[in-house]
Amino acid sequence: MKGWVGRVAVAAVLYAVLYVALRTLDFEPHAVPLLLLVLLGLLVWWLVIDALDAPPAEWNVASTSPFQPPGQDVVLSGYLRLLESHAASREPDQALRRRLLALGHARLEARLGVPPDDTTSADALGPEWAAMCRDPHRRLSVAEIDRMLTRIEEL
């Protein structure tokens, strides 16, 4: 009895049963107010049933990245720590060199399709790059790091 015909039939049967029951018990029911009461009760009941039969709402509120306070970027702060560690250490940190090599080689392969060998990468990325590749224990200045990153970005 999902259709309107079934619901009208239920309302008519319920009204008739209530009217006869109230007449039998000598309550002298009024026809129109009883009909409105039955209709109101059934409409509320059907509204609740229809609402409960509906599939549950699916809300996708997960953000793509975890919440970060303004001005804090996880990747940027990692690079900043890497640079500060290189500048503050007595001996040059190999982590900065490895990260620069990975960035440069990935950019060469992505943009120019060049395999990451020393001759082609030195030609494309400049003399600072070639010096860093030749001497892994060399301390890089902030200006050299900036020039290398600028050349990597310009590819």
Protein backbone atom coordinates (compact mmCIF):
# COMPACT_ATOMS: atom_id res chain seq x y z
CA MET A 1 0.00 0.00 0.00
CA LYS A 2 2.66 2.46 -1.02
CA GLY A 3 0.54 4.35 -3.53
CA TRP A 4 -2.07 7.04 -2.93
CA VAL A 5 -4.93 4.63 -3.57
CA GLY A 6 -3.77 2.41 -0.71
CA ARG A 7 -3.36 5.39 1.59
CA VAL A 8 -6.84 6.70 0.80
CA ALA A 9 -8.26 3.24 1.45
CA VAL A 10 -6.46 3.07 4.83
CA ALA A 11 -7.79 6.52 5.75
CA ALA A 12 -11.37 5.55 4.79
CA VAL A 13 -11.23 2.26 6.73
CA LEU A 14 -9.73 3.93 9.80
CA TYR A 15 -12.34 6.72 9.68
CA ALA A 16 -15.19 4.21 9.35
CA VAL A 17 -13.91 2.05 12.21
CA LEU A 18 -13.44 5.05 14.51
CA TYR A 19 -16.85 6.52 13.62
CA VAL A 20 -18.64 3.22 14.25
CA ALA A 21 -16.69 2.61 17.48
CA LEU A 22 -17.47 6.09 18.82
CA ARG A 23 -21.17 5.77 17.83
CA THR A 24 -21.35 2.36 19.53
CA LEU A 25 -19.89 3.83 22.72
CA ASP A 26 -22.44 6.72 22.62
CA PHE A 27 -19.90 9.49 22.15
CA GLU A 28 -21.87 11.13 19.29
CA PRO A 29 -18.87 12.03 17.09
CA HIS A 30 -18.98 14.91 14.63
CA ALA A 31 -18.18 13.60 11.16
CA VAL A 32 -16.06 16.46 9.74
CA PRO A 33 -13.79 17.08 12.77
CA LEU A 34 -13.25 13.31 13.13
CA LEU A 35 -12.35 13.06 9.43
CA LEU A 36 -9.86 15.95 9.78
CA LEU A 37 -8.34 14.36 12.90
CA VAL A 38 -7.90 11.00 11.15
CA LEU A 39 -6.37 12.67 8.08
CA LEU A 40 -4.01 14.76 10.20
CA GLY A 41 -2.86 11.75 12.21
CA LEU A 42 -2.34 9.62 9.12
CA LEU A 43 -0.49 12.36 7.24
CA VAL A 44 1.92 12.83 10.13
CA TRP A 45 2.37 9.05 10.40
CA TRP A 46 3.07 8.71 6.65
CA LEU A 47 5.48 11.63 6.75
CA VAL A 48 7.47 9.94 9.52
CA ILE A 49 7.43 6.59 7.72
CA ASP A 50 8.57 8.18 4.44
CA ALA A 51 11.36 10.03 6.22
CA LEU A 52 12.58 6.85 7.90
CA ASP A 53 12.46 4.85 4.63
CA ALA A 54 14.77 7.28 2.86
CA PRO A 55 18.43 6.30 2.63
CA PRO A 56 20.66 8.11 5.11
CA ALA A 57 22.29 11.28 3.91
CA GLU A 58 25.96 10.99 3.11
CA TRP A 59 27.96 14.08 3.91
CA ASN A 60 31.52 14.28 2.69
CA VAL A 61 33.07 16.91 4.91
CA ALA A 62 36.61 15.53 5.07
CA SER A 63 39.05 18.12 3.91
CA THR A 64 41.72 17.30 1.39
CA SER A 65 44.47 18.26 3.77
CA PRO A 66 44.63 18.40 7.53
CA PHE A 67 43.94 21.73 9.17
CA GLN A 68 46.94 24.00 9.47
CA PRO A 69 46.96 27.32 11.28
CA PRO A 70 47.46 30.31 8.95
CA GLY A 71 51.06 30.75 7.85
CA GLN A 72 52.11 27.16 8.54
CA ASP A 73 52.82 24.95 5.58
CA VAL A 74 54.21 21.50 6.38
CA VAL A 75 56.29 21.18 3.20
CA LEU A 76 57.61 24.71 3.40
CA SER A 77 58.54 24.37 7.06
CA GLY A 78 60.39 21.13 6.24
CA TYR A 79 62.43 22.90 3.57
CA LEU A 80 63.09 25.78 5.94
CA ARG A 81 64.41 23.39 8.60
CA LEU A 82 66.61 21.76 5.97
CA LEU A 83 68.10 25.12 4.96
CA GLU A 84 68.57 26.23 8.57
CA SER A 85 70.24 22.94 9.44
CA HIS A 86 72.64 23.34 6.50
CA ALA A 87 73.49 26.92 7.47
CA ALA A 88 73.98 26.12 11.18
CA SER A 89 76.01 22.90 10.90
CA ARG A 90 79.82 22.79 11.06
CA GLU A 91 80.02 20.31 8.22
CA PRO A 92 77.78 20.55 5.17
CA ASP A 93 74.58 18.60 5.52
CA GLN A 94 74.09 15.93 2.85
CA ALA A 95 70.30 16.10 3.17
CA LEU A 96 70.17 19.46 1.40
CA ARG A 97 72.43 18.20 -1.37
CA ARG A 98 70.30 15.05 -1.83
CA ARG A 99 67.10 17.10 -1.96
CA LEU A 100 68.54 19.56 -4.49
CA LEU A 101 69.76 16.68 -6.67
CA ALA A 102 66.34 15.00 -6.51
CA LEU A 103 64.56 18.26 -7.42
CA GLY A 104 66.92 19.00 -10.29
CA HIS A 105 66.84 15.49 -11.73
CA ALA A 106 63.04 15.29 -11.49
CA ARG A 107 62.68 18.65 -13.22
CA LEU A 108 65.12 17.70 -15.99
CA GLU A 109 63.26 14.48 -16.66
CA ALA A 110 59.83 16.11 -16.53
CA ARG A 111 60.53 19.22 -18.60
CA LEU A 112 63.35 18.29 -20.98
CA GLY A 113 63.20 14.51 -21.04
CA VAL A 114 66.92 14.49 -20.23
CA PRO A 115 68.32 11.59 -18.18
CA PRO A 116 69.93 12.83 -14.97
CA ASP A 117 73.61 12.51 -15.89
CA ASP A 118 76.23 15.01 -14.81
CA THR A 119 77.07 16.59 -18.18
CA THR A 120 73.56 17.42 -19.37
CA SER A 121 72.41 18.49 -15.93
CA ALA A 122 75.43 20.77 -15.51
CA ASP A 123 74.72 22.40 -18.88
CA ALA A 124 71.04 22.95 -18.07
CA LEU A 125 71.37 23.97 -14.43
CA GLY A 126 74.56 26.03 -14.42
CA PRO A 127 77.98 26.16 -12.75
CA GLU A 128 76.69 25.99 -9.15
CA TRP A 129 75.02 22.71 -9.98
CA ALA A 130 78.19 21.32 -11.56
CA ALA A 131 80.26 22.38 -8.53
CA MET A 132 77.79 20.73 -6.14
CA CYS A 133 77.86 17.51 -8.16
CA ARG A 134 81.69 17.43 -8.27
CA ASP A 135 82.28 18.18 -4.58
CA PRO A 136 79.62 16.67 -2.29
CA HIS A 137 81.25 18.08 0.88
CA ARG A 138 81.23 21.67 -0.31
CA ARG A 139 79.22 24.14 1.78
CA LEU A 140 76.63 25.98 -0.29
CA SER A 141 75.93 29.63 0.34
CA VAL A 142 72.42 31.02 0.45
CA ALA A 143 73.03 32.83 -2.85
CA GLU A 144 74.16 29.59 -4.55
CA ILE A 145 71.12 27.72 -3.27
CA ASP A 146 68.89 30.52 -4.49
CA ARG A 147 70.50 30.53 -7.96
CA MET A 148 70.17 26.72 -8.22
CA LEU A 149 66.51 26.80 -7.20
CA THR A 150 65.83 29.64 -9.62
CA ARG A 151 67.42 27.67 -12.48
CA ILE A 152 65.42 24.56 -11.52
CA GLU A 153 62.20 26.58 -11.50
CA GLU A 154 63.00 28.21 -14.86
CA LEU A 155 63.29 24.88 -16.66
